[in-house]
Amino acid sequence: MFIIMKKCALQTVILGLALLCGNQNSLANSGTKNIYSPTGPVIAAIKADITANRLTRPTGNNAMENIHRLGLIAPGDPRIRSYKDKVAAKLISLGEQALQENKHDQAKILALRALKVAPHYAEADFILNTVREAHLSERNALTFTPPKLKDGVVTTD
């Protein structure tokens, strides 16, 4: 009887250890795994920066600097390109918003930053062309042509 009790106790301990190990493995395979990897904190910072629109500024605390850190930790990581595209898309979106609000200088800056991050965005070129056209229109509207005078009288000729 003593041997049976010992065997049951041993089986219970083994079962408990197996369950405990199984739970640890399921935790390791869950989303919390990334926090404990070398890239985890950097990826969390990138996501927070993008959400907060800290895309290329302020220096020392922005998504692009953290994307660069990710490249140092994990060169060739496919998420690098994905995050750069997200930053560029957000810059384009902010640039389009600035354009709609007639904040041409801000729109131009955002478009130029987007092109630095991801040169393949045609939307950035569209913003730059629109800003260029707006500046030309403003310049032409400000150009004053003095009236023609003939013998001291204004003519329409």
N, C-alpha and C. Protein backbone atom coordinates (compact mmCIF):
# COMPACT_ATOMS: atom_id res chain seq x y z
N MET A 1 0.82 -1.19 0.00
CA MET A 1 0.00 0.00 0.00
C MET A 1 0.86 1.25 0.00
N PHE A 2 1.93 1.21 0.79
CA PHE A 2 2.85 2.34 0.86
C PHE A 2 3.45 2.64 -0.50
N ILE A 3 3.78 1.59 -1.25
CA ILE A 3 4.38 1.75 -2.57
C ILE A 3 3.37 2.38 -3.53
N ILE A 4 2.11 1.99 -3.44
CA ILE A 4 1.07 2.56 -4.30
C ILE A 4 0.90 4.04 -4.00
N MET A 5 0.90 4.42 -2.72
CA MET A 5 0.75 5.82 -2.34
C MET A 5 1.94 6.64 -2.84
N LYS A 6 3.13 6.05 -2.72
CA LYS A 6 4.32 6.74 -3.20
C LYS A 6 4.26 6.94 -4.71
N LYS A 7 3.78 5.91 -5.41
CA LYS A 7 3.68 5.97 -6.86
C LYS A 7 2.66 7.04 -7.28
N CYS A 8 1.54 7.11 -6.58
CA CYS A 8 0.51 8.12 -6.88
C CYS A 8 1.05 9.53 -6.62
N ALA A 9 1.79 9.68 -5.53
CA ALA A 9 2.35 10.99 -5.20
C ALA A 9 3.37 11.40 -6.27
N LEU A 10 4.18 10.45 -6.69
CA LEU A 10 5.18 10.73 -7.73
C LEU A 10 4.49 11.09 -9.05
N GLN A 11 3.41 10.39 -9.40
CA GLN A 11 2.67 10.69 -10.62
C GLN A 11 2.04 12.09 -10.54
N THR A 12 1.57 12.46 -9.36
CA THR A 12 0.98 13.78 -9.17
C THR A 12 2.02 14.87 -9.36
N VAL A 13 3.20 14.65 -8.82
CA VAL A 13 4.29 15.62 -8.97
C VAL A 13 4.69 15.74 -10.44
N ILE A 14 4.81 14.60 -11.09
CA ILE A 14 5.19 14.61 -12.51
C ILE A 14 4.11 15.31 -13.34
N LEU A 15 2.84 15.02 -13.04
CA LEU A 15 1.75 15.67 -13.75
C LEU A 15 1.76 17.18 -13.51
N GLY A 16 2.01 17.59 -12.28
CA GLY A 16 2.08 19.01 -11.95
C GLY A 16 3.22 19.70 -12.70
N LEU A 17 4.37 19.04 -12.74
CA LEU A 17 5.51 19.61 -13.47
C LEU A 17 5.21 19.70 -14.97
N ALA A 18 4.56 18.68 -15.49
CA ALA A 18 4.22 18.69 -16.92
C ALA A 18 3.25 19.84 -17.22
N LEU A 19 2.27 20.02 -16.36
CA LEU A 19 1.33 21.12 -16.56
C LEU A 19 2.03 22.46 -16.45
N LEU A 20 2.92 22.57 -15.48
CA LEU A 20 3.65 23.82 -15.30
C LEU A 20 4.52 24.11 -16.52
N CYS A 21 5.21 23.13 -17.00
CA CYS A 21 6.03 23.31 -18.20
C CYS A 21 5.16 23.65 -19.41
N GLY A 22 4.02 22.99 -19.50
CA GLY A 22 3.11 23.27 -20.60
C GLY A 22 2.62 24.70 -20.55
N ASN A 23 2.32 25.23 -19.37
CA ASN A 23 1.87 26.61 -19.23
C ASN A 23 2.98 27.58 -19.60
N GLN A 24 4.20 27.26 -19.23
CA GLN A 24 5.31 28.14 -19.58
C GLN A 24 5.49 28.19 -21.09
N ASN A 25 5.37 27.05 -21.73
CA ASN A 25 5.51 27.03 -23.17
C ASN A 25 4.39 27.82 -23.85
N SER A 26 3.18 27.70 -23.31
CA SER A 26 2.09 28.46 -23.93
C SER A 26 2.29 29.95 -23.71
N LEU A 27 2.87 30.37 -22.56
CA LEU A 27 3.19 31.78 -22.34
C LEU A 27 4.28 32.23 -23.29
N ALA A 28 5.26 31.37 -23.51
CA ALA A 28 6.37 31.73 -24.39
C ALA A 28 5.88 31.88 -25.83
N ASN A 29 4.84 31.13 -26.19
CA ASN A 29 4.33 31.22 -27.55
C ASN A 29 3.27 32.29 -27.73
N SER A 30 2.87 32.93 -26.65
CA SER A 30 1.84 33.96 -26.75
C SER A 30 2.48 35.29 -27.16
N GLY A 31 1.68 36.34 -27.23
CA GLY A 31 2.15 37.66 -27.63
C GLY A 31 3.16 38.26 -26.66
N THR A 32 3.21 37.78 -25.42
CA THR A 32 4.15 38.34 -24.46
C THR A 32 5.58 37.92 -24.77
N LYS A 33 5.75 36.95 -25.61
CA LYS A 33 7.10 36.48 -25.96
C LYS A 33 7.95 37.62 -26.52
N ASN A 34 7.37 38.46 -27.35
CA ASN A 34 8.13 39.52 -28.00
C ASN A 34 8.72 40.52 -27.02
N ILE A 35 8.06 40.73 -25.90
CA ILE A 35 8.58 41.68 -24.91
C ILE A 35 9.92 41.20 -24.37
N TYR A 36 10.08 39.89 -24.27
CA TYR A 36 11.29 39.34 -23.69
C TYR A 36 12.37 39.03 -24.70
N SER A 37 12.09 39.25 -25.98
CA SER A 37 13.12 39.06 -26.99
C SER A 37 13.93 40.34 -27.09
N PRO A 38 15.12 40.29 -27.68
CA PRO A 38 15.93 41.52 -27.80
C PRO A 38 15.25 42.60 -28.62
N THR A 39 14.39 42.22 -29.55
CA THR A 39 13.72 43.21 -30.39
C THR A 39 12.41 43.71 -29.78
N GLY A 40 11.91 43.00 -28.78
CA GLY A 40 10.60 43.33 -28.20
C GLY A 40 10.44 44.76 -27.74
N PRO A 41 11.34 45.27 -26.91
CA PRO A 41 11.18 46.66 -26.45
C PRO A 41 11.29 47.67 -27.59
N VAL A 42 12.13 47.38 -28.56
CA VAL A 42 12.30 48.30 -29.70
C VAL A 42 11.02 48.33 -30.53
N ILE A 43 10.44 47.18 -30.77
CA ILE A 43 9.20 47.11 -31.54
C ILE A 43 8.07 47.81 -30.79
N ALA A 44 8.01 47.62 -29.49
CA ALA A 44 6.99 48.31 -28.69
C ALA A 44 7.18 49.83 -28.79
N ALA A 45 8.42 50.28 -28.77
CA ALA A 45 8.70 51.72 -28.89
C ALA A 45 8.32 52.24 -30.27
N ILE A 46 8.59 51.46 -31.32
CA ILE A 46 8.23 51.87 -32.68
C ILE A 46 6.71 52.04 -32.78
N LYS A 47 5.97 51.06 -32.28
CA LYS A 47 4.51 51.13 -32.35
C LYS A 47 3.99 52.34 -31.57
N ALA A 48 4.55 52.58 -30.40
CA ALA A 48 4.12 53.73 -29.59
C ALA A 48 4.44 55.05 -30.30
N ASP A 49 5.62 55.12 -30.92
CA ASP A 49 6.02 56.34 -31.63
C ASP A 49 5.10 56.60 -32.83
N ILE A 50 4.77 55.58 -33.57
CA ILE A 50 3.89 55.75 -34.73
C ILE A 50 2.50 56.20 -34.27
N THR A 51 2.00 55.58 -33.21
CA THR A 51 0.69 55.96 -32.69
C THR A 51 0.66 57.40 -32.22
N ALA A 52 1.77 57.86 -31.61
CA ALA A 52 1.85 59.22 -31.08
C ALA A 52 2.34 60.24 -32.12
N ASN A 53 2.50 59.81 -33.37
CA ASN A 53 3.01 60.68 -34.45
C ASN A 53 4.41 61.20 -34.19
N ARG A 54 5.20 60.48 -33.42
CA ARG A 54 6.63 60.81 -33.27
C ARG A 54 7.35 60.02 -34.36
N LEU A 55 7.23 60.50 -35.58
CA LEU A 55 7.69 59.74 -36.73
C LEU A 55 9.16 59.97 -37.02
N THR A 56 9.55 61.23 -37.18
CA THR A 56 10.95 61.56 -37.43
C THR A 56 11.47 62.57 -36.42
N ARG A 57 10.61 63.09 -35.61
CA ARG A 57 10.96 64.07 -34.57
C ARG A 57 10.24 63.69 -33.30
N PRO A 58 10.67 64.03 -32.13
CA PRO A 58 11.87 64.77 -31.75
C PRO A 58 13.10 63.86 -31.80
N THR A 59 14.23 64.48 -31.96
CA THR A 59 15.48 63.73 -32.00
C THR A 59 15.65 62.95 -30.70
N GLY A 60 16.01 61.70 -30.83
CA GLY A 60 16.24 60.85 -29.66
C GLY A 60 15.00 60.10 -29.21
N ASN A 61 13.84 60.42 -29.79
CA ASN A 61 12.61 59.77 -29.36
C ASN A 61 11.61 59.74 -30.52
N ASN A 62 11.93 58.95 -31.54
CA ASN A 62 11.01 58.87 -32.68
C ASN A 62 11.08 57.49 -33.34
N ALA A 63 10.08 57.22 -34.16
CA ALA A 63 9.95 55.90 -34.78
C ALA A 63 11.13 55.56 -35.67
N MET A 64 11.61 56.51 -36.46
CA MET A 64 12.70 56.20 -37.39
C MET A 64 13.99 55.82 -36.66
N GLU A 65 14.28 56.47 -35.56
CA GLU A 65 15.47 56.09 -34.79
C GLU A 65 15.31 54.69 -34.20
N ASN A 66 14.11 54.37 -33.76
CA ASN A 66 13.88 53.02 -33.23
C ASN A 66 13.89 51.97 -34.33
N ILE A 67 13.45 52.33 -35.52
CA ILE A 67 13.54 51.41 -36.66
C ILE A 67 15.01 51.15 -36.98
N HIS A 68 15.83 52.19 -36.90
CA HIS A 68 17.26 52.03 -37.11
C HIS A 68 17.84 51.08 -36.05
N ARG A 69 17.42 51.24 -34.79
CA ARG A 69 17.87 50.33 -33.72
C ARG A 69 17.47 48.89 -34.02
N LEU A 70 16.25 48.70 -34.52
CA LEU A 70 15.80 47.36 -34.88
C LEU A 70 16.71 46.78 -35.95
N GLY A 71 17.12 47.60 -36.90
CA GLY A 71 18.05 47.14 -37.94
C GLY A 71 19.41 46.73 -37.38
N LEU A 72 19.84 47.39 -36.32
CA LEU A 72 21.11 47.03 -35.68
C LEU A 72 20.99 45.72 -34.91
N ILE A 73 19.84 45.53 -34.26
CA ILE A 73 19.62 44.32 -33.46
C ILE A 73 19.33 43.12 -34.36
N ALA A 74 18.50 43.34 -35.37
CA ALA A 74 18.06 42.24 -36.24
C ALA A 74 18.16 42.67 -37.70
N PRO A 75 19.38 42.71 -38.25
CA PRO A 75 19.54 43.11 -39.66
C PRO A 75 18.72 42.18 -40.57
N GLY A 76 18.09 42.77 -41.55
CA GLY A 76 17.31 41.98 -42.50
C GLY A 76 15.93 41.61 -42.01
N ASP A 77 15.53 42.06 -40.85
CA ASP A 77 14.20 41.77 -40.32
C ASP A 77 13.16 42.39 -41.25
N PRO A 78 12.19 41.61 -41.73
CA PRO A 78 11.21 42.14 -42.68
C PRO A 78 10.32 43.23 -42.08
N ARG A 79 10.25 43.29 -40.76
CA ARG A 79 9.43 44.33 -40.12
C ARG A 79 10.01 45.72 -40.32
N ILE A 80 11.30 45.80 -40.60
CA ILE A 80 11.94 47.11 -40.81
C ILE A 80 11.26 47.83 -41.97
N ARG A 81 11.14 47.14 -43.08
CA ARG A 81 10.50 47.73 -44.28
C ARG A 81 9.04 48.08 -43.99
N SER A 82 8.37 47.19 -43.29
CA SER A 82 6.96 47.40 -42.96
C SER A 82 6.78 48.65 -42.09
N TYR A 83 7.63 48.80 -41.09
CA TYR A 83 7.52 49.97 -40.22
C TYR A 83 7.90 51.26 -40.96
N LYS A 84 8.88 51.19 -41.85
CA LYS A 84 9.23 52.37 -42.64
C LYS A 84 8.06 52.78 -43.52
N ASP A 85 7.38 51.80 -44.10
CA ASP A 85 6.21 52.10 -44.92
C ASP A 85 5.10 52.74 -44.09
N LYS A 86 4.92 52.25 -42.86
CA LYS A 86 3.90 52.84 -41.98
C LYS A 86 4.24 54.28 -41.65
N VAL A 87 5.51 54.55 -41.36
CA VAL A 87 5.94 55.92 -41.05
C VAL A 87 5.72 56.81 -42.27
N ALA A 88 6.12 56.35 -43.44
CA ALA A 88 5.95 57.16 -44.66
C ALA A 88 4.48 57.41 -44.94
N ALA A 89 3.64 56.40 -44.79
CA ALA A 89 2.20 56.56 -45.03
C ALA A 89 1.60 57.57 -44.05
N LYS A 90 2.05 57.53 -42.82
CA LYS A 90 1.53 58.48 -41.82
C LYS A 90 2.00 59.90 -42.15
N LEU A 91 3.26 60.04 -42.58
CA LEU A 91 3.76 61.35 -42.99
C LEU A 91 2.97 61.90 -44.17
N ILE A 92 2.65 61.02 -45.12
CA ILE A 92 1.86 61.42 -46.29
C ILE A 92 0.47 61.88 -45.83
N SER A 93 -0.13 61.12 -44.95
CA SER A 93 -1.46 61.46 -44.45
C SER A 93 -1.45 62.83 -43.75
N LEU A 94 -0.45 63.06 -42.92
CA LEU A 94 -0.33 64.35 -42.25
C LEU A 94 -0.04 65.47 -43.24
N GLY A 95 0.74 65.16 -44.28
CA GLY A 95 1.03 66.14 -45.33
C GLY A 95 -0.21 66.51 -46.11
N GLU A 96 -1.04 65.52 -46.42
CA GLU A 96 -2.29 65.79 -47.14
C GLU A 96 -3.23 66.64 -46.29
N GLN A 97 -3.25 66.35 -44.99
CA GLN A 97 -4.08 67.13 -44.07
C GLN A 97 -3.59 68.58 -44.03
N ALA A 98 -2.29 68.77 -43.95
CA ALA A 98 -1.72 70.12 -43.94
C ALA A 98 -2.03 70.84 -45.25
N LEU A 99 -2.00 70.12 -46.35
CA LEU A 99 -2.31 70.69 -47.66
C LEU A 99 -3.76 71.18 -47.71
N GLN A 100 -4.66 70.38 -47.17
CA GLN A 100 -6.07 70.77 -47.14
C GLN A 100 -6.30 72.00 -46.27
N GLU A 101 -5.46 72.17 -45.26
CA GLU A 101 -5.57 73.33 -44.38
C GLU A 101 -4.75 74.52 -44.89
N ASN A 102 -4.26 74.42 -46.12
CA ASN A 102 -3.44 75.45 -46.76
C ASN A 102 -2.16 75.77 -45.98
N LYS A 103 -1.63 74.78 -45.29
CA LYS A 103 -0.35 74.91 -44.60
C LYS A 103 0.71 74.31 -45.53
N HIS A 104 1.02 75.05 -46.58
CA HIS A 104 1.87 74.53 -47.65
C HIS A 104 3.28 74.20 -47.18
N ASP A 105 3.86 75.04 -46.35
CA ASP A 105 5.23 74.78 -45.90
C ASP A 105 5.30 73.50 -45.06
N GLN A 106 4.32 73.31 -44.19
CA GLN A 106 4.28 72.10 -43.38
C GLN A 106 4.06 70.87 -44.25
N ALA A 107 3.19 70.98 -45.24
CA ALA A 107 2.93 69.87 -46.16
C ALA A 107 4.19 69.48 -46.92
N LYS A 108 4.94 70.50 -47.34
CA LYS A 108 6.19 70.25 -48.07
C LYS A 108 7.20 69.52 -47.19
N ILE A 109 7.35 69.97 -45.96
CA ILE A 109 8.30 69.33 -45.02
C ILE A 109 7.91 67.87 -44.79
N LEU A 110 6.63 67.62 -44.57
CA LEU A 110 6.18 66.24 -44.32
C LEU A 110 6.39 65.36 -45.55
N ALA A 111 6.14 65.89 -46.74
CA ALA A 111 6.35 65.12 -47.97
C ALA A 111 7.82 64.80 -48.17
N LEU A 112 8.69 65.78 -47.90
CA LEU A 112 10.13 65.53 -48.04
C LEU A 112 10.61 64.47 -47.05
N ARG A 113 10.09 64.52 -45.84
CA ARG A 113 10.45 63.49 -44.84
C ARG A 113 9.97 62.12 -45.29
N ALA A 114 8.77 62.06 -45.86
CA ALA A 114 8.24 60.79 -46.34
C ALA A 114 9.12 60.21 -47.44
N LEU A 115 9.60 61.08 -48.33
CA LEU A 115 10.47 60.61 -49.41
C LEU A 115 11.81 60.13 -48.89
N LYS A 116 12.29 60.72 -47.80
CA LYS A 116 13.53 60.23 -47.19
C LYS A 116 13.35 58.84 -46.62
N VAL A 117 12.18 58.60 -46.03
CA VAL A 117 11.90 57.31 -45.40
C VAL A 117 11.64 56.25 -46.46
N ALA A 118 10.80 56.58 -47.43
CA ALA A 118 10.41 55.62 -48.47
C ALA A 118 10.28 56.36 -49.80
N PRO A 119 11.34 56.38 -50.60
CA PRO A 119 11.36 57.17 -51.83
C PRO A 119 10.34 56.76 -52.89
N HIS A 120 9.67 55.64 -52.72
CA HIS A 120 8.76 55.15 -53.75
C HIS A 120 7.33 55.67 -53.62
N TYR A 121 7.08 56.58 -52.70
CA TYR A 121 5.71 57.08 -52.49
C TYR A 121 5.39 58.21 -53.47
N ALA A 122 4.52 57.92 -54.43
CA ALA A 122 4.12 58.92 -55.43
C ALA A 122 3.27 60.01 -54.79
N GLU A 123 2.60 59.68 -53.68
CA GLU A 123 1.76 60.67 -53.00
C GLU A 123 2.60 61.84 -52.50
N ALA A 124 3.83 61.58 -52.12
CA ALA A 124 4.72 62.66 -51.66
C ALA A 124 5.03 63.60 -52.82
N ASP A 125 5.26 63.04 -53.99
CA ASP A 125 5.50 63.88 -55.18
C ASP A 125 4.26 64.71 -55.50
N PHE A 126 3.09 64.12 -55.34
CA PHE A 126 1.85 64.85 -55.58
C PHE A 126 1.74 66.06 -54.64
N ILE A 127 2.06 65.84 -53.36
CA ILE A 127 2.01 66.94 -52.39
C ILE A 127 3.00 68.03 -52.78
N LEU A 128 4.21 67.64 -53.13
CA LEU A 128 5.23 68.62 -53.51
C LEU A 128 4.80 69.42 -54.75
N ASN A 129 4.23 68.73 -55.74
CA ASN A 129 3.76 69.42 -56.95
C ASN A 129 2.61 70.37 -56.63
N THR A 130 1.72 69.96 -55.77
CA THR A 130 0.59 70.81 -55.38
C THR A 130 1.08 72.05 -54.65
N VAL A 131 2.05 71.86 -53.76
CA VAL A 131 2.63 73.00 -53.03
C VAL A 131 3.32 73.95 -54.00
N ARG A 132 4.06 73.39 -54.94
CA ARG A 132 4.76 74.20 -55.95
C ARG A 132 3.76 75.02 -56.76
N GLU A 133 2.68 74.40 -57.20
CA GLU A 133 1.65 75.10 -57.96
C GLU A 133 0.98 76.19 -57.12
N ALA A 134 0.75 75.89 -55.84
CA ALA A 134 0.12 76.88 -54.96
C ALA A 134 1.03 78.09 -54.78
N HIS A 135 2.32 77.84 -54.63
CA HIS A 135 3.27 78.95 -54.48
C HIS A 135 3.33 79.79 -55.76
N LEU A 136 3.29 79.12 -56.91
CA LEU A 136 3.29 79.87 -58.18
C LEU A 136 2.01 80.70 -58.32
N SER A 137 0.89 80.14 -57.93
CA SER A 137 -0.37 80.88 -58.01
C SER A 137 -0.33 82.09 -57.09
N GLU A 138 0.20 81.89 -55.89
CA GLU A 138 0.31 83.01 -54.95
C GLU A 138 1.23 84.09 -55.50
N ARG A 139 2.34 83.67 -56.08
CA ARG A 139 3.30 84.62 -56.64
C ARG A 139 2.67 85.39 -57.79
N ASN A 140 1.94 84.69 -58.67
CA ASN A 140 1.28 85.35 -59.79
C ASN A 140 0.19 86.30 -59.32
N ALA A 141 -0.52 85.93 -58.26
CA ALA A 141 -1.58 86.79 -57.74
C ALA A 141 -0.99 88.06 -57.12
N LEU A 142 0.23 87.94 -56.60
CA LEU A 142 0.87 89.10 -55.98
C LEU A 142 1.58 89.99 -56.98
N THR A 143 1.78 89.48 -58.19
CA THR A 143 2.46 90.27 -59.21
C THR A 143 1.54 91.40 -59.66
N PHE A 144 2.06 92.58 -59.58
CA PHE A 144 1.27 93.75 -59.94
C PHE A 144 1.77 94.28 -61.27
N THR A 145 0.85 94.44 -62.20
CA THR A 145 1.18 95.03 -63.48
C THR A 145 0.64 96.46 -63.48
N PRO A 146 1.54 97.41 -63.56
CA PRO A 146 1.05 98.80 -63.55
C PRO A 146 0.24 99.09 -64.82
N PRO A 147 -0.76 99.93 -64.69
CA PRO A 147 -1.58 100.26 -65.87
C PRO A 147 -0.76 101.06 -66.87
N LYS A 148 -1.15 100.91 -68.13
CA LYS A 148 -0.49 101.68 -69.20
C LYS A 148 -1.07 103.09 -69.23
N LEU A 149 -0.18 104.01 -69.40
CA LEU A 149 -0.60 105.41 -69.48
C LEU A 149 -0.31 105.97 -70.87
N LYS A 150 -1.24 106.73 -71.39
CA LYS A 150 -1.04 107.41 -72.66
C LYS A 150 -1.48 108.87 -72.42
N ASP A 151 -0.51 109.72 -72.48
CA ASP A 151 -0.74 111.15 -72.21
C ASP A 151 -1.36 111.34 -70.82
N GLY A 152 -0.91 110.53 -69.84
CA GLY A 152 -1.38 110.69 -68.47
C GLY A 152 -2.72 110.08 -68.20
N VAL A 153 -3.26 109.34 -69.19
CA VAL A 153 -4.58 108.71 -69.03
C VAL A 153 -4.38 107.20 -69.10
N VAL A 154 -5.07 106.45 -68.20
CA VAL A 154 -4.99 104.99 -68.18
C VAL A 154 -5.71 104.44 -69.39
N THR A 155 -5.00 103.50 -70.10
CA THR A 155 -5.62 102.85 -71.26
C THR A 155 -5.70 101.36 -71.02
N THR A 156 -6.57 100.72 -71.74
CA THR A 156 -6.72 99.25 -71.63
C THR A 156 -5.88 98.53 -72.65
N ASP A 157 -5.21 99.21 -73.51
CA ASP A 157 -4.36 98.60 -74.54
C ASP A 157 -3.26 97.81 -73.96
